[in-house]
Amino acid sequence: MSPQKAARTPATEIRTNLLAAGRRILERDGEPALTVRAVAKEAGVAPMGVYNHFDGKDGLLNALVSDGFDEFAGVVTAIDADPAERLRNCGRNYRRFALANPNLYNLMFSAECEADDEVAARSFGVLADIVRYGQGVGSIRPGDAVDLAAQIWACVHGAVALELTGAYPPFIDATDLYEHVLDLVARGVAPS
């Protein structure tokens, strides 16, 4: 009788396990702890697995931020019938994602990584679609929806980035301030 060979783990499962391990390390220990060796150990594979599936650490980081943008697009989507609430809830979901995943969020918007262009564009497209929806029912002023979406994104991103870095003075409540930022955005895109 011949000895039985251990079943090989499918390549897609190894890739998935490496991404999950990378994400856990990123959120638990921060980006500096995200090494090929640490990810491989966390995933239970040889370090060569990271090179085979991602061509090294840079490829792994790019895959992590691409997955992050994909998840982000799903989270920021808001489907409220009321266009004002849809826009406001998109902004709230944006902040919620960032606060729940601060290390991933920071990496997504850093110059260290390159997300897949289509995936990143799709997450921005969610906001542009919300702007178009509001324009279609007359609650958001006419104009280039992509340009308005970029302005909105700049506002909410700035507020979230300040909160994540702890830059607000101690007398400012970040949640209250963020709601005021959303009010400011709503006034800024309202029809004249």
N, C-alpha and C. Protein backbone atom coordinates (compact mmCIF):
# COMPACT_ATOMS: atom_id res chain seq x y z
N MET A 1 0.85 -1.17 0.00
CA MET A 1 0.00 0.00 0.00
C MET A 1 0.89 1.23 0.00
N SER A 2 0.60 2.18 -0.87
CA SER A 2 1.41 3.38 -0.97
C SER A 2 0.91 4.44 0.00
N PRO A 3 1.84 5.27 0.50
CA PRO A 3 1.42 6.33 1.42
C PRO A 3 0.55 7.34 0.68
N GLN A 4 -0.43 7.86 1.39
CA GLN A 4 -1.33 8.85 0.78
C GLN A 4 -0.69 10.22 0.82
N LYS A 5 -0.88 10.95 -0.27
CA LYS A 5 -0.39 12.32 -0.33
C LYS A 5 -1.41 13.25 0.31
N ALA A 6 -0.91 14.25 0.96
CA ALA A 6 -1.80 15.26 1.54
C ALA A 6 -2.45 16.03 0.40
N ALA A 7 -3.71 16.34 0.55
CA ALA A 7 -4.43 17.10 -0.48
C ALA A 7 -3.84 18.51 -0.56
N ARG A 8 -3.66 18.97 -1.78
CA ARG A 8 -3.12 20.32 -1.99
C ARG A 8 -4.25 21.34 -1.84
N THR A 9 -3.92 22.44 -1.23
CA THR A 9 -4.88 23.53 -1.10
C THR A 9 -4.97 24.23 -2.44
N PRO A 10 -6.19 24.44 -2.94
CA PRO A 10 -6.34 25.14 -4.23
C PRO A 10 -5.70 26.54 -4.17
N ALA A 11 -5.15 26.95 -5.30
CA ALA A 11 -4.45 28.25 -5.38
C ALA A 11 -5.36 29.41 -4.98
N THR A 12 -6.63 29.36 -5.38
CA THR A 12 -7.54 30.47 -5.03
C THR A 12 -7.75 30.54 -3.53
N GLU A 13 -7.75 29.39 -2.87
CA GLU A 13 -7.92 29.38 -1.42
C GLU A 13 -6.67 29.94 -0.73
N ILE A 14 -5.49 29.61 -1.25
CA ILE A 14 -4.25 30.15 -0.69
C ILE A 14 -4.25 31.67 -0.83
N ARG A 15 -4.63 32.15 -2.01
CA ARG A 15 -4.67 33.60 -2.25
C ARG A 15 -5.63 34.27 -1.27
N THR A 16 -6.81 33.69 -1.12
CA THR A 16 -7.82 34.22 -0.20
C THR A 16 -7.29 34.22 1.23
N ASN A 17 -6.63 33.13 1.62
CA ASN A 17 -6.09 33.03 2.98
C ASN A 17 -4.99 34.07 3.21
N LEU A 18 -4.15 34.29 2.20
CA LEU A 18 -3.10 35.29 2.33
C LEU A 18 -3.68 36.69 2.47
N LEU A 19 -4.71 37.00 1.69
CA LEU A 19 -5.34 38.32 1.79
C LEU A 19 -5.99 38.50 3.15
N ALA A 20 -6.68 37.46 3.63
CA ALA A 20 -7.32 37.55 4.94
C ALA A 20 -6.27 37.72 6.04
N ALA A 21 -5.16 37.00 5.93
CA ALA A 21 -4.09 37.12 6.91
C ALA A 21 -3.49 38.52 6.87
N GLY A 22 -3.25 39.03 5.66
CA GLY A 22 -2.72 40.37 5.52
C GLY A 22 -3.64 41.41 6.13
N ARG A 23 -4.91 41.26 5.91
CA ARG A 23 -5.89 42.20 6.46
C ARG A 23 -5.90 42.16 7.98
N ARG A 24 -5.85 40.94 8.54
CA ARG A 24 -5.84 40.82 10.01
C ARG A 24 -4.60 41.51 10.60
N ILE A 25 -3.45 41.24 9.99
CA ILE A 25 -2.20 41.84 10.49
C ILE A 25 -2.25 43.36 10.34
N LEU A 26 -2.73 43.82 9.20
CA LEU A 26 -2.81 45.26 8.95
C LEU A 26 -3.64 45.96 10.01
N GLU A 27 -4.82 45.45 10.28
CA GLU A 27 -5.71 46.11 11.24
C GLU A 27 -5.28 45.88 12.68
N ARG A 28 -4.68 44.75 12.95
CA ARG A 28 -4.28 44.45 14.33
C ARG A 28 -2.97 45.15 14.71
N ASP A 29 -1.99 45.11 13.79
CA ASP A 29 -0.64 45.54 14.13
C ASP A 29 -0.12 46.72 13.30
N GLY A 30 -0.84 47.11 12.28
CA GLY A 30 -0.43 48.23 11.44
C GLY A 30 0.41 47.81 10.26
N GLU A 31 0.56 48.73 9.33
CA GLU A 31 1.27 48.45 8.07
C GLU A 31 2.72 48.04 8.26
N PRO A 32 3.47 48.60 9.22
CA PRO A 32 4.86 48.16 9.38
C PRO A 32 5.00 46.67 9.71
N ALA A 33 4.00 46.09 10.34
CA ALA A 33 4.05 44.66 10.70
C ALA A 33 3.70 43.75 9.53
N LEU A 34 3.25 44.33 8.45
CA LEU A 34 2.80 43.56 7.30
C LEU A 34 4.00 43.14 6.45
N THR A 35 4.64 42.06 6.86
CA THR A 35 5.79 41.54 6.13
C THR A 35 5.40 40.24 5.44
N VAL A 36 6.17 39.86 4.45
CA VAL A 36 5.92 38.60 3.74
C VAL A 36 5.91 37.45 4.73
N ARG A 37 6.91 37.41 5.58
CA ARG A 37 7.02 36.31 6.56
C ARG A 37 5.83 36.28 7.51
N ALA A 38 5.41 37.45 8.02
CA ALA A 38 4.30 37.51 8.97
C ALA A 38 2.99 37.08 8.32
N VAL A 39 2.77 37.52 7.09
CA VAL A 39 1.53 37.15 6.39
C VAL A 39 1.52 35.66 6.10
N ALA A 40 2.63 35.14 5.64
CA ALA A 40 2.70 33.71 5.34
C ALA A 40 2.45 32.89 6.60
N LYS A 41 3.08 33.28 7.70
CA LYS A 41 2.89 32.56 8.96
C LYS A 41 1.44 32.61 9.41
N GLU A 42 0.84 33.79 9.34
CA GLU A 42 -0.57 33.96 9.74
C GLU A 42 -1.50 33.12 8.87
N ALA A 43 -1.16 33.00 7.60
CA ALA A 43 -1.99 32.22 6.66
C ALA A 43 -1.67 30.73 6.69
N GLY A 44 -0.57 30.37 7.34
CA GLY A 44 -0.20 28.96 7.41
C GLY A 44 0.40 28.42 6.12
N VAL A 45 1.11 29.29 5.39
CA VAL A 45 1.76 28.86 4.15
C VAL A 45 3.22 29.30 4.19
N ALA A 46 3.99 28.77 3.25
CA ALA A 46 5.39 29.16 3.14
C ALA A 46 5.47 30.59 2.59
N PRO A 47 6.50 31.34 2.99
CA PRO A 47 6.64 32.71 2.47
C PRO A 47 6.64 32.78 0.94
N MET A 48 7.09 31.73 0.30
CA MET A 48 7.10 31.73 -1.17
C MET A 48 5.69 31.88 -1.73
N GLY A 49 4.69 31.49 -0.95
CA GLY A 49 3.30 31.64 -1.39
C GLY A 49 2.94 33.09 -1.69
N VAL A 50 3.48 34.01 -0.89
CA VAL A 50 3.21 35.43 -1.12
C VAL A 50 3.82 35.86 -2.46
N TYR A 51 5.00 35.35 -2.75
CA TYR A 51 5.65 35.68 -4.03
C TYR A 51 4.93 35.02 -5.20
N ASN A 52 4.48 33.79 -5.00
CA ASN A 52 3.79 33.07 -6.08
C ASN A 52 2.46 33.72 -6.43
N HIS A 53 1.76 34.23 -5.44
CA HIS A 53 0.41 34.76 -5.68
C HIS A 53 0.36 36.27 -5.86
N PHE A 54 1.36 36.98 -5.33
CA PHE A 54 1.32 38.45 -5.38
C PHE A 54 2.61 39.09 -5.85
N ASP A 55 3.58 38.30 -6.18
CA ASP A 55 4.87 38.81 -6.62
C ASP A 55 5.53 39.65 -5.52
N GLY A 56 5.30 39.27 -4.27
CA GLY A 56 5.95 39.93 -3.15
C GLY A 56 5.04 40.86 -2.37
N LYS A 57 5.66 41.60 -1.46
CA LYS A 57 4.90 42.47 -0.55
C LYS A 57 4.14 43.56 -1.28
N ASP A 58 4.76 44.20 -2.28
CA ASP A 58 4.07 45.28 -2.99
C ASP A 58 2.80 44.78 -3.66
N GLY A 59 2.89 43.62 -4.27
CA GLY A 59 1.71 43.04 -4.90
C GLY A 59 0.63 42.71 -3.90
N LEU A 60 1.04 42.22 -2.73
CA LEU A 60 0.09 41.93 -1.66
C LEU A 60 -0.60 43.21 -1.20
N LEU A 61 0.19 44.27 -0.99
CA LEU A 61 -0.40 45.55 -0.57
C LEU A 61 -1.39 46.07 -1.61
N ASN A 62 -1.02 45.97 -2.88
CA ASN A 62 -1.91 46.42 -3.94
C ASN A 62 -3.21 45.62 -3.95
N ALA A 63 -3.10 44.32 -3.73
CA ALA A 63 -4.29 43.48 -3.69
C ALA A 63 -5.15 43.81 -2.47
N LEU A 64 -4.50 44.09 -1.34
CA LEU A 64 -5.26 44.47 -0.14
C LEU A 64 -6.04 45.76 -0.35
N VAL A 65 -5.39 46.77 -0.95
CA VAL A 65 -6.12 48.03 -1.15
C VAL A 65 -7.18 47.88 -2.24
N SER A 66 -6.94 47.06 -3.23
CA SER A 66 -7.97 46.82 -4.25
C SER A 66 -9.19 46.16 -3.62
N ASP A 67 -8.95 45.15 -2.78
CA ASP A 67 -10.06 44.52 -2.06
C ASP A 67 -10.73 45.53 -1.13
N GLY A 68 -9.92 46.40 -0.53
CA GLY A 68 -10.48 47.43 0.35
C GLY A 68 -11.42 48.36 -0.40
N PHE A 69 -11.01 48.79 -1.59
CA PHE A 69 -11.88 49.66 -2.39
C PHE A 69 -13.15 48.93 -2.83
N ASP A 70 -13.02 47.64 -3.12
CA ASP A 70 -14.20 46.86 -3.50
C ASP A 70 -15.19 46.80 -2.34
N GLU A 71 -14.67 46.51 -1.15
CA GLU A 71 -15.52 46.48 0.05
C GLU A 71 -16.10 47.87 0.33
N PHE A 72 -15.27 48.88 0.20
CA PHE A 72 -15.66 50.26 0.43
C PHE A 72 -16.84 50.65 -0.47
N ALA A 73 -16.78 50.27 -1.74
CA ALA A 73 -17.87 50.59 -2.68
C ALA A 73 -19.19 50.00 -2.20
N GLY A 74 -19.14 48.80 -1.67
CA GLY A 74 -20.36 48.18 -1.15
C GLY A 74 -20.86 48.86 0.10
N VAL A 75 -19.94 49.30 0.95
CA VAL A 75 -20.32 49.92 2.22
C VAL A 75 -20.90 51.32 2.01
N VAL A 76 -20.31 52.12 1.13
CA VAL A 76 -20.78 53.50 0.99
C VAL A 76 -22.05 53.61 0.16
N THR A 77 -22.41 52.56 -0.52
CA THR A 77 -23.65 52.59 -1.29
C THR A 77 -24.82 52.85 -0.36
N ALA A 78 -25.64 53.78 -0.76
CA ALA A 78 -26.86 54.10 -0.01
C ALA A 78 -28.01 54.09 -1.01
N ILE A 79 -29.12 53.52 -0.61
CA ILE A 79 -30.24 53.37 -1.56
C ILE A 79 -31.53 54.03 -1.07
N ASP A 80 -31.42 54.95 -0.13
CA ASP A 80 -32.60 55.64 0.36
C ASP A 80 -33.35 56.28 -0.80
N ALA A 81 -34.66 56.27 -0.75
CA ALA A 81 -35.46 56.90 -1.80
C ALA A 81 -35.28 58.41 -1.79
N ASP A 82 -35.17 58.98 -0.60
CA ASP A 82 -34.96 60.42 -0.47
C ASP A 82 -33.51 60.74 -0.84
N PRO A 83 -33.30 61.57 -1.87
CA PRO A 83 -31.93 61.83 -2.33
C PRO A 83 -31.05 62.51 -1.28
N ALA A 84 -31.63 63.35 -0.44
CA ALA A 84 -30.84 64.01 0.61
C ALA A 84 -30.35 62.98 1.62
N GLU A 85 -31.23 62.06 1.99
CA GLU A 85 -30.83 61.00 2.94
C GLU A 85 -29.86 60.04 2.29
N ARG A 86 -30.01 59.79 1.01
CA ARG A 86 -29.08 58.91 0.30
C ARG A 86 -27.66 59.48 0.35
N LEU A 87 -27.56 60.77 0.08
CA LEU A 87 -26.25 61.42 0.11
C LEU A 87 -25.69 61.44 1.54
N ARG A 88 -26.52 61.78 2.49
CA ARG A 88 -26.09 61.84 3.89
C ARG A 88 -25.66 60.46 4.39
N ASN A 89 -26.42 59.43 4.07
CA ASN A 89 -26.07 58.08 4.52
C ASN A 89 -24.82 57.55 3.82
N CYS A 90 -24.61 57.94 2.59
CA CYS A 90 -23.36 57.60 1.91
C CYS A 90 -22.19 58.18 2.69
N GLY A 91 -22.31 59.43 3.10
CA GLY A 91 -21.26 60.08 3.90
C GLY A 91 -21.06 59.41 5.24
N ARG A 92 -22.15 59.03 5.88
CA ARG A 92 -22.04 58.34 7.17
C ARG A 92 -21.37 56.98 6.99
N ASN A 93 -21.75 56.29 5.93
CA ASN A 93 -21.15 54.97 5.66
C ASN A 93 -19.66 55.10 5.37
N TYR A 94 -19.29 56.19 4.70
CA TYR A 94 -17.87 56.47 4.42
C TYR A 94 -17.09 56.54 5.73
N ARG A 95 -17.59 57.34 6.64
CA ARG A 95 -16.92 57.51 7.93
C ARG A 95 -16.90 56.20 8.70
N ARG A 96 -18.01 55.48 8.70
CA ARG A 96 -18.11 54.22 9.42
C ARG A 96 -17.05 53.23 8.92
N PHE A 97 -16.88 53.14 7.60
CA PHE A 97 -15.87 52.26 7.03
C PHE A 97 -14.47 52.66 7.51
N ALA A 98 -14.17 53.95 7.44
CA ALA A 98 -12.84 54.44 7.82
C ALA A 98 -12.55 54.17 9.29
N LEU A 99 -13.52 54.41 10.16
CA LEU A 99 -13.31 54.20 11.59
C LEU A 99 -13.19 52.72 11.94
N ALA A 100 -13.89 51.87 11.19
CA ALA A 100 -13.83 50.43 11.44
C ALA A 100 -12.55 49.81 10.89
N ASN A 101 -11.95 50.45 9.88
CA ASN A 101 -10.77 49.90 9.20
C ASN A 101 -9.70 50.98 9.02
N PRO A 102 -9.25 51.60 10.09
CA PRO A 102 -8.38 52.77 9.93
C PRO A 102 -7.07 52.49 9.20
N ASN A 103 -6.44 51.37 9.47
CA ASN A 103 -5.17 51.09 8.80
C ASN A 103 -5.36 50.80 7.32
N LEU A 104 -6.40 50.04 7.00
CA LEU A 104 -6.69 49.78 5.59
C LEU A 104 -7.06 51.07 4.88
N TYR A 105 -7.92 51.86 5.50
CA TYR A 105 -8.34 53.13 4.92
C TYR A 105 -7.14 54.03 4.63
N ASN A 106 -6.25 54.16 5.58
CA ASN A 106 -5.05 54.99 5.37
C ASN A 106 -4.19 54.45 4.25
N LEU A 107 -4.06 53.13 4.17
CA LEU A 107 -3.27 52.52 3.11
C LEU A 107 -3.93 52.72 1.75
N MET A 108 -5.26 52.67 1.71
CA MET A 108 -6.00 52.85 0.46
C MET A 108 -5.73 54.23 -0.15
N PHE A 109 -5.54 55.22 0.70
CA PHE A 109 -5.36 56.58 0.21
C PHE A 109 -3.91 57.05 0.36
N SER A 110 -3.00 56.11 0.47
CA SER A 110 -1.59 56.46 0.55
C SER A 110 -0.95 56.33 -0.83
N ALA A 111 0.24 56.86 -0.94
CA ALA A 111 0.99 56.74 -2.19
C ALA A 111 1.80 55.44 -2.24
N GLU A 112 1.71 54.64 -1.19
CA GLU A 112 2.48 53.41 -1.10
C GLU A 112 1.93 52.29 -1.98
N CYS A 113 0.66 52.37 -2.32
CA CYS A 113 0.01 51.27 -3.02
C CYS A 113 -0.72 51.76 -4.26
N GLU A 114 -0.97 50.83 -5.14
CA GLU A 114 -1.75 51.13 -6.33
C GLU A 114 -2.91 50.15 -6.41
N ALA A 115 -4.10 50.65 -6.16
CA ALA A 115 -5.28 49.81 -6.29
C ALA A 115 -5.58 49.59 -7.76
N ASP A 116 -6.28 48.54 -8.04
CA ASP A 116 -6.77 48.30 -9.39
C ASP A 116 -7.62 49.51 -9.79
N ASP A 117 -7.30 50.11 -10.94
CA ASP A 117 -7.98 51.34 -11.37
C ASP A 117 -9.49 51.17 -11.47
N GLU A 118 -9.94 50.06 -12.03
CA GLU A 118 -11.38 49.84 -12.20
C GLU A 118 -12.09 49.72 -10.86
N VAL A 119 -11.46 49.03 -9.93
CA VAL A 119 -12.07 48.84 -8.61
C VAL A 119 -12.15 50.19 -7.88
N ALA A 120 -11.07 50.95 -7.90
CA ALA A 120 -11.07 52.26 -7.23
C ALA A 120 -12.07 53.20 -7.89
N ALA A 121 -12.14 53.17 -9.21
CA ALA A 121 -13.09 54.03 -9.93
C ALA A 121 -14.53 53.65 -9.59
N ARG A 122 -14.77 52.36 -9.41
CA ARG A 122 -16.13 51.92 -9.07
C ARG A 122 -16.55 52.48 -7.72
N SER A 123 -15.64 52.55 -6.76
CA SER A 123 -16.02 53.09 -5.45
C SER A 123 -16.33 54.58 -5.56
N PHE A 124 -15.59 55.31 -6.39
CA PHE A 124 -15.89 56.72 -6.62
C PHE A 124 -17.20 56.85 -7.40
N GLY A 125 -17.44 55.91 -8.31
CA GLY A 125 -18.66 55.93 -9.12
C GLY A 125 -19.92 55.83 -8.29
N VAL A 126 -19.84 55.17 -7.14
CA VAL A 126 -21.00 55.08 -6.25
C VAL A 126 -21.45 56.48 -5.86
N LEU A 127 -20.51 57.32 -5.47
CA LEU A 127 -20.85 58.69 -5.08
C LEU A 127 -21.35 59.50 -6.27
N ALA A 128 -20.70 59.35 -7.41
CA ALA A 128 -21.15 60.07 -8.61
C ALA A 128 -22.57 59.67 -8.97
N ASP A 129 -22.90 58.40 -8.82
CA ASP A 129 -24.27 57.94 -9.10
C ASP A 129 -25.28 58.54 -8.13
N ILE A 130 -24.89 58.69 -6.87
CA ILE A 130 -25.77 59.32 -5.88
C ILE A 130 -26.01 60.78 -6.25
N VAL A 131 -24.96 61.45 -6.73
CA VAL A 131 -25.11 62.84 -7.18
C VAL A 131 -26.06 62.89 -8.37
N ARG A 132 -25.87 62.01 -9.33
CA ARG A 132 -26.76 61.97 -10.51
C ARG A 132 -28.21 61.72 -10.10
N TYR A 133 -28.40 60.84 -9.14
CA TYR A 133 -29.75 60.54 -8.65
C TYR A 133 -30.39 61.81 -8.09
N GLY A 134 -29.64 62.53 -7.25
CA GLY A 134 -30.15 63.78 -6.68
C GLY A 134 -30.42 64.82 -7.75
N GLN A 135 -29.55 64.87 -8.76
CA GLN A 135 -29.76 65.82 -9.87
C GLN A 135 -31.03 65.45 -10.65
N GLY A 136 -31.26 64.15 -10.80
CA GLY A 136 -32.43 63.70 -11.56
C GLY A 136 -33.75 64.08 -10.94
N VAL A 137 -33.77 64.21 -9.61
CA VAL A 137 -35.01 64.60 -8.94
C VAL A 137 -34.98 66.06 -8.49
N GLY A 138 -33.92 66.77 -8.85
CA GLY A 138 -33.86 68.21 -8.58
C GLY A 138 -33.39 68.61 -7.21
N SER A 139 -32.86 67.68 -6.41
CA SER A 139 -32.40 68.07 -5.07
C SER A 139 -30.91 68.40 -5.02
N ILE A 140 -30.19 68.11 -6.09
CA ILE A 140 -28.78 68.49 -6.21
C ILE A 140 -28.66 69.35 -7.46
N ARG A 141 -27.92 70.43 -7.35
CA ARG A 141 -27.82 71.38 -8.46
C ARG A 141 -27.27 70.72 -9.71
N PRO A 142 -27.66 71.24 -10.85
CA PRO A 142 -27.11 70.70 -12.11
C PRO A 142 -25.61 70.98 -12.19
N GLY A 143 -24.98 70.21 -13.02
CA GLY A 143 -23.54 70.38 -13.22
C GLY A 143 -22.91 69.03 -13.45
N ASP A 144 -21.62 69.04 -13.58
CA ASP A 144 -20.87 67.82 -13.80
C ASP A 144 -20.92 66.97 -12.53
N ALA A 145 -21.58 65.83 -12.60
CA ALA A 145 -21.76 64.97 -11.43
C ALA A 145 -20.42 64.47 -10.89
N VAL A 146 -19.48 64.21 -11.76
CA VAL A 146 -18.17 63.74 -11.33
C VAL A 146 -17.44 64.84 -10.57
N ASP A 147 -17.53 66.07 -11.06
CA ASP A 147 -16.88 67.19 -10.37
C ASP A 147 -17.52 67.42 -9.00
N LEU A 148 -18.85 67.39 -8.93
CA LEU A 148 -19.52 67.56 -7.63
C LEU A 148 -19.16 66.42 -6.69
N ALA A 149 -19.10 65.19 -7.21
CA ALA A 149 -18.74 64.04 -6.38
C ALA A 149 -17.32 64.20 -5.83
N ALA A 150 -16.41 64.72 -6.66
CA ALA A 150 -15.03 64.94 -6.20
C ALA A 150 -14.98 65.97 -5.08
N GLN A 151 -15.81 67.01 -5.19
CA GLN A 151 -15.85 68.03 -4.14
C GLN A 151 -16.40 67.45 -2.83
N ILE A 152 -17.45 66.65 -2.97
CA ILE A 152 -18.03 66.01 -1.78
C ILE A 152 -17.01 65.09 -1.14
N TRP A 153 -16.35 64.29 -1.98
CA TRP A 153 -15.36 63.34 -1.47
C TRP A 153 -14.25 64.08 -0.72
N ALA A 154 -13.81 65.19 -1.27
CA ALA A 154 -12.75 65.97 -0.62
C ALA A 154 -13.19 66.42 0.77
N CYS A 155 -14.43 66.85 0.88
CA CYS A 155 -14.94 67.31 2.19
C CYS A 155 -14.99 66.18 3.21
N VAL A 156 -15.62 65.07 2.84
CA VAL A 156 -15.76 63.99 3.82
C VAL A 156 -14.42 63.32 4.10
N HIS A 157 -13.60 63.21 3.08
CA HIS A 157 -12.28 62.60 3.30
C HIS A 157 -11.44 63.46 4.24
N GLY A 158 -11.49 64.76 4.05
CA GLY A 158 -10.75 65.65 4.93
C GLY A 158 -11.19 65.53 6.37
N ALA A 159 -12.50 65.50 6.59
CA ALA A 159 -13.01 65.39 7.95
C ALA A 159 -12.61 64.05 8.58
N VAL A 160 -12.71 62.98 7.82
CA VAL A 160 -12.36 61.66 8.34
C VAL A 160 -10.85 61.57 8.60
N ALA A 161 -10.05 62.10 7.69
CA ALA A 161 -8.59 62.05 7.87
C ALA A 161 -8.18 62.81 9.13
N LEU A 162 -8.78 63.96 9.36
CA LEU A 162 -8.48 64.71 10.58
C LEU A 162 -8.87 63.92 11.83
N GLU A 163 -10.01 63.25 11.76
CA GLU A 163 -10.45 62.46 12.91
C GLU A 163 -9.51 61.28 13.16
N LEU A 164 -9.13 60.59 12.10
CA LEU A 164 -8.27 59.41 12.26
C LEU A 164 -6.89 59.77 12.81
N THR A 165 -6.40 60.94 12.47
CA THR A 165 -5.08 61.34 12.96
C THR A 165 -5.15 62.02 14.32
N GLY A 166 -6.35 62.18 14.85
CA GLY A 166 -6.50 62.82 16.15
C GLY A 166 -6.18 64.30 16.13
N ALA A 167 -6.39 64.92 14.98
CA ALA A 167 -6.01 66.32 14.82
C ALA A 167 -7.02 67.31 15.40
N TYR A 168 -8.22 66.86 15.69
CA TYR A 168 -9.20 67.78 16.25
C TYR A 168 -8.83 68.15 17.69
N PRO A 169 -9.06 69.41 18.07
CA PRO A 169 -8.83 69.79 19.47
C PRO A 169 -9.80 68.99 20.36
N PRO A 170 -9.46 68.80 21.61
CA PRO A 170 -10.28 67.95 22.50
C PRO A 170 -11.70 68.46 22.73
N PHE A 171 -11.95 69.72 22.49
CA PHE A 171 -13.29 70.26 22.71
C PHE A 171 -14.22 70.03 21.52
N ILE A 172 -13.72 69.44 20.44
CA ILE A 172 -14.55 69.17 19.27
C ILE A 172 -14.99 67.72 19.29
N ASP A 173 -16.29 67.51 19.21
CA ASP A 173 -16.84 66.17 19.11
C ASP A 173 -16.85 65.77 17.63
N ALA A 174 -16.08 64.77 17.28
CA ALA A 174 -15.91 64.39 15.87
C ALA A 174 -17.21 63.96 15.21
N THR A 175 -18.08 63.28 15.95
CA THR A 175 -19.35 62.84 15.38
C THR A 175 -20.24 64.03 15.06
N ASP A 176 -20.36 64.96 16.00
CA ASP A 176 -21.16 66.17 15.76
C ASP A 176 -20.58 66.97 14.60
N LEU A 177 -19.27 67.14 14.61
CA LEU A 177 -18.63 67.91 13.55
C LEU A 177 -18.88 67.26 12.19
N TYR A 178 -18.81 65.94 12.13
CA TYR A 178 -19.02 65.25 10.86
C TYR A 178 -20.44 65.48 10.34
N GLU A 179 -21.40 65.47 11.23
CA GLU A 179 -22.78 65.76 10.82
C GLU A 179 -22.89 67.18 10.27
N HIS A 180 -22.15 68.12 10.85
CA HIS A 180 -22.13 69.50 10.34
C HIS A 180 -21.45 69.57 8.98
N VAL A 181 -20.42 68.75 8.78
CA VAL A 181 -19.78 68.68 7.46
C VAL A 181 -20.79 68.16 6.43
N LEU A 182 -21.57 67.16 6.81
CA LEU A 182 -22.60 66.65 5.89
C LEU A 182 -23.65 67.72 5.60
N ASP A 183 -23.99 68.54 6.61
CA ASP A 183 -24.91 69.67 6.38
C ASP A 183 -24.30 70.65 5.38
N LEU A 184 -23.01 70.95 5.57
CA LEU A 184 -22.30 71.86 4.69
C LEU A 184 -22.29 71.34 3.26
N VAL A 185 -22.04 70.06 3.10
CA VAL A 185 -22.07 69.43 1.77
C VAL A 185 -23.45 69.57 1.16
N ALA A 186 -24.48 69.26 1.94
CA ALA A 186 -25.86 69.32 1.41
C ALA A 186 -26.19 70.74 0.94
N ARG A 187 -25.80 71.74 1.72
CA ARG A 187 -26.05 73.13 1.31
C ARG A 187 -25.24 73.48 0.07
N GLY A 188 -24.02 72.96 0.00
CA GLY A 188 -23.15 73.27 -1.13
C GLY A 188 -23.60 72.69 -2.45
N VAL A 189 -24.32 71.57 -2.41
CA VAL A 189 -24.77 70.95 -3.68
C VAL A 189 -26.24 71.20 -3.94
N ALA A 190 -26.91 71.92 -3.04
CA ALA A 190 -28.34 72.19 -3.24
C ALA A 190 -28.55 73.12 -4.44
N PRO A 191 -29.69 72.99 -5.08
CA PRO A 191 -30.00 73.92 -6.18
C PRO A 191 -30.06 75.36 -5.68
N SER A 192 -29.75 76.29 -6.53
CA SER A 192 -29.79 77.70 -6.13
C SER A 192 -31.19 78.15 -5.84
